[in-house]
């Protein structure tokens, strides 16, 4: 199966794992004469395990997550879990092929609405915007042939499963409830934020965390759990941990380094005073 070259921007780095995996999956697809599509010799099914019947003469790839034949449009879902790969095709009804165009690796739109390929989800708005992922844009990629002086932002936004609508943030094709689209960003590997709250990103899920003081929230490092507001570290909100001596020791070099820049109202400085009095 060939992928239309005009659906992949020239500045996208195709060796990045999630891009390489998605494109590699499509190249393994074979259109069979019995009107099925196979990968590694196994017919593609929907999530209910029903074999998808297609028109073999007209079946083609529209973009990295979308396919069509003379009758229907289909979304491709790829799952990698516990070293096993699973692939599913989902039929999407009502797509206007004449105006259909891809937005990124997972999302597309026509003149009427937008779509998320994996699972064949329909989004009832058009004009979706790519998500500018601050953390991924600044992340260094390892490998002997990687030039980290290049700007990888296009690759990350094109391969993101987060996208922005007029009033909503979408994750895996669904509205991320409560998210403020105008202030939504990802400053950290495990956390996303907007003006109201912190969201924890854990593999295929994103969940909101309430109670964080957003006005005093700081990220000392983007790669580890060096995140806190003035009351307590984020792990206390996320996992219910109690503020402890371990937290004090863990954050010590960072609060000491910013002693003249941060308010004494932060929990670390208050703990330092208590320890000093003992």
Foldseek 3Di string as FASTA:
>chain_A
DDFPPVQADPPADCVPVLNVVLRVQVVQWDQDPQQFIDGPPHTAAAPVRHGDGHDSVAWDHQASFWIHGPPWIWGWAWDQDPNDIHIHIDTAPDADVVQWGADANAKIHGPQFIFGRHVTATGGDDDKAFAQAQQVQQDADDDPPDDRVDGNRVNDSRSAQWIDDPAFIDHSRHGPPPDGRVAWYQQAPQWIDGQAFIWGDDVRDIHTFPDADSVQWDALDRYDQRIHGQEGGPCCRVVVDDDDPVRLVVCVVVCVVCVVPDDCSRPNNVVVVVVVVD
